[in-house]
């Protein structure tokens, strides 16, 4: 899979994804630290990347666009340390990669992953990752 990390996501998470064989990029590494959210969303869509963020605005922007892609993983963790983020990201990828490929917004918090599929937004599931 291909990923684009927003500024609130550590470059260590990008390296973690790369170590798993994924194509992952960070906005900072591309010199795009100050892009508006709408442009970040379009970049993820154009490059067919899953957006990694902790900015709740992206879920609303995707819903308002009424487009299936891009998918986004929104981390709502109290502890955004890369080891925590990577732990939950690994759980998401091991269970929900096919949903991300089809178009979804996943909201990840301690003990829960909420999944919203697009374009309808009607499917709303919750799952508790193992080992949390």
Protein backbone atom coordinates (compact mmCIF):
# COMPACT_ATOMS: atom_id res chain seq x y z
CA UNK A 1 0.00 0.00 0.00
CA UNK A 2 0.96 3.63 -0.40
CA UNK A 3 0.78 6.11 2.49
CA UNK A 4 1.11 9.86 2.99
CA UNK A 5 1.88 11.05 6.52
CA UNK A 6 0.56 14.41 7.65
CA UNK A 7 2.74 16.70 9.79
CA UNK A 8 1.40 15.32 13.10
CA UNK A 9 2.69 11.83 12.28
CA UNK A 10 6.29 11.03 13.12
CA UNK A 11 8.78 10.25 10.34
CA UNK A 12 9.53 7.13 12.43
CA UNK A 13 6.09 5.84 11.46
CA UNK A 14 6.96 6.39 7.80
CA UNK A 15 10.16 4.39 8.28
CA UNK A 16 8.16 1.68 10.08
CA UNK A 17 5.84 1.37 7.07
CA UNK A 18 8.79 1.31 4.69
CA UNK A 19 10.36 -1.50 6.72
CA UNK A 20 7.15 -3.48 6.12
CA UNK A 21 7.55 -2.96 2.37
CA UNK A 22 5.03 -0.16 1.92
CA UNK A 23 5.55 2.99 -0.14
CA UNK A 24 5.31 5.74 2.48
CA UNK A 25 6.05 9.45 2.25
CA UNK A 26 5.98 12.28 4.77
CA UNK A 27 4.91 15.83 3.87
CA UNK A 28 7.99 17.24 5.62
CA UNK A 29 10.37 15.08 3.57
CA UNK A 30 8.81 16.57 0.43
CA UNK A 31 9.10 20.14 1.73
CA UNK A 32 5.32 20.47 1.99
CA UNK A 33 5.01 21.34 5.67
CA UNK A 34 2.46 24.12 5.21
CA UNK A 35 0.03 22.72 2.66
CA UNK A 36 -3.66 23.43 3.34
CA UNK A 37 -5.70 20.36 4.29
CA UNK A 38 -7.63 20.42 1.00
CA UNK A 39 -4.37 20.27 -0.99
CA UNK A 40 -3.01 17.46 1.22
CA UNK A 41 -6.22 15.52 0.59
CA UNK A 42 -5.96 16.08 -3.17
CA UNK A 43 -2.30 14.99 -3.13
CA UNK A 44 -3.24 11.76 -1.34
CA UNK A 45 -6.05 11.20 -3.85
CA UNK A 46 -3.85 11.93 -6.90
CA UNK A 47 -1.08 9.63 -5.66
CA UNK A 48 -3.52 6.95 -4.46
CA UNK A 49 -2.13 7.07 -0.92
CA UNK A 50 -3.80 6.38 2.41
CA UNK A 51 -3.55 9.53 4.50
CA UNK A 52 -2.17 9.14 8.03
CA UNK A 53 -3.13 11.97 10.37
CA UNK A 54 -4.39 12.97 13.79
CA UNK A 55 -6.31 15.94 12.37
CA UNK A 56 -10.05 15.27 12.65
CA UNK A 57 -10.80 17.76 9.86
CA UNK A 58 -9.76 15.21 7.24
CA UNK A 59 -12.68 12.91 8.03
CA UNK A 60 -15.08 15.77 7.43
CA UNK A 61 -13.30 16.85 4.24
CA UNK A 62 -13.44 13.32 2.82
CA UNK A 63 -17.12 12.95 3.71
CA UNK A 64 -17.93 16.32 2.14
CA UNK A 65 -16.10 15.40 -1.07
CA UNK A 66 -18.44 12.42 -1.59
CA UNK A 67 -15.52 10.59 -3.23
CA UNK A 68 -14.40 7.09 -2.30
CA UNK A 69 -10.75 7.94 -2.11
CA UNK A 70 -8.42 8.65 -0.52
CA UNK A 71 -8.73 6.50 2.54
CA UNK A 72 -7.50 7.95 5.81
CA UNK A 73 -6.40 6.63 9.16
CA UNK A 74 -7.05 9.21 11.85
CA UNK A 75 -5.22 8.54 15.09
CA UNK A 76 -7.05 9.74 18.20
CA UNK A 77 -4.58 8.32 20.68
CA UNK A 78 -3.78 9.99 23.99
CA UNK A 79 -0.16 8.97 23.43
CA UNK A 80 1.02 9.76 19.90
CA UNK A 81 4.53 8.40 20.48
CA UNK A 82 5.64 6.53 17.33
CA UNK A 83 5.77 3.17 19.12
CA UNK A 84 2.09 3.56 20.08
CA UNK A 85 1.06 4.77 16.64
CA UNK A 86 3.01 1.96 14.97
CA UNK A 87 1.42 -0.63 17.25
CA UNK A 88 -2.09 0.44 16.29
CA UNK A 89 -1.14 0.93 12.65
CA UNK A 90 0.14 -2.64 12.52
CA UNK A 91 -3.21 -3.84 13.92
CA UNK A 92 -5.12 -1.79 11.34
CA UNK A 93 -3.06 -3.12 8.44
CA UNK A 94 -3.30 -6.73 9.57
CA UNK A 95 -7.10 -6.57 9.69
CA UNK A 96 -8.40 -3.76 7.51
CA UNK A 97 -6.13 -3.41 4.48
CA UNK A 98 -8.89 -4.44 2.06
CA UNK A 99 -11.27 -1.81 3.50
CA UNK A 100 -8.60 0.86 3.06
CA UNK A 101 -8.08 -0.21 -0.56
CA UNK A 102 -11.79 0.31 -1.26
CA UNK A 103 -12.13 3.70 0.43
CA UNK A 104 -12.68 4.27 4.14
CA UNK A 105 -11.89 6.49 7.07
CA UNK A 106 -10.62 4.63 10.12
CA UNK A 107 -10.60 6.39 13.45
CA UNK A 108 -8.13 4.73 15.81
CA UNK A 109 -8.28 5.24 19.56
CA UNK A 110 -7.11 3.15 22.47
CA UNK A 111 -8.97 -0.16 22.24
CA UNK A 112 -11.19 0.76 19.28
CA UNK A 113 -11.06 1.16 15.53
CA UNK A 114 -14.11 2.78 13.94
CA UNK A 115 -14.53 2.20 10.23
CA UNK A 116 -16.55 4.39 7.94
CA UNK A 117 -16.75 3.35 4.30
CA UNK A 118 -17.40 5.65 1.37
CA UNK A 119 -19.12 7.05 -0.57
CA UNK A 120 -22.27 6.29 1.42
CA UNK A 121 -20.72 6.43 4.88
CA UNK A 122 -23.42 4.00 6.00
CA UNK A 123 -21.16 1.23 7.27
CA UNK A 124 -19.89 2.00 10.73
CA UNK A 125 -18.13 -0.85 12.52
CA UNK A 126 -16.04 -1.00 15.65
CA UNK A 127 -13.32 -3.49 16.45
CA UNK A 128 -10.99 -3.84 19.37
CA UNK A 129 -7.39 -4.61 18.36
CA UNK A 130 -5.67 -7.52 20.03
CA UNK A 131 -2.99 -6.80 22.57
CA UNK A 132 -4.27 -3.38 23.59
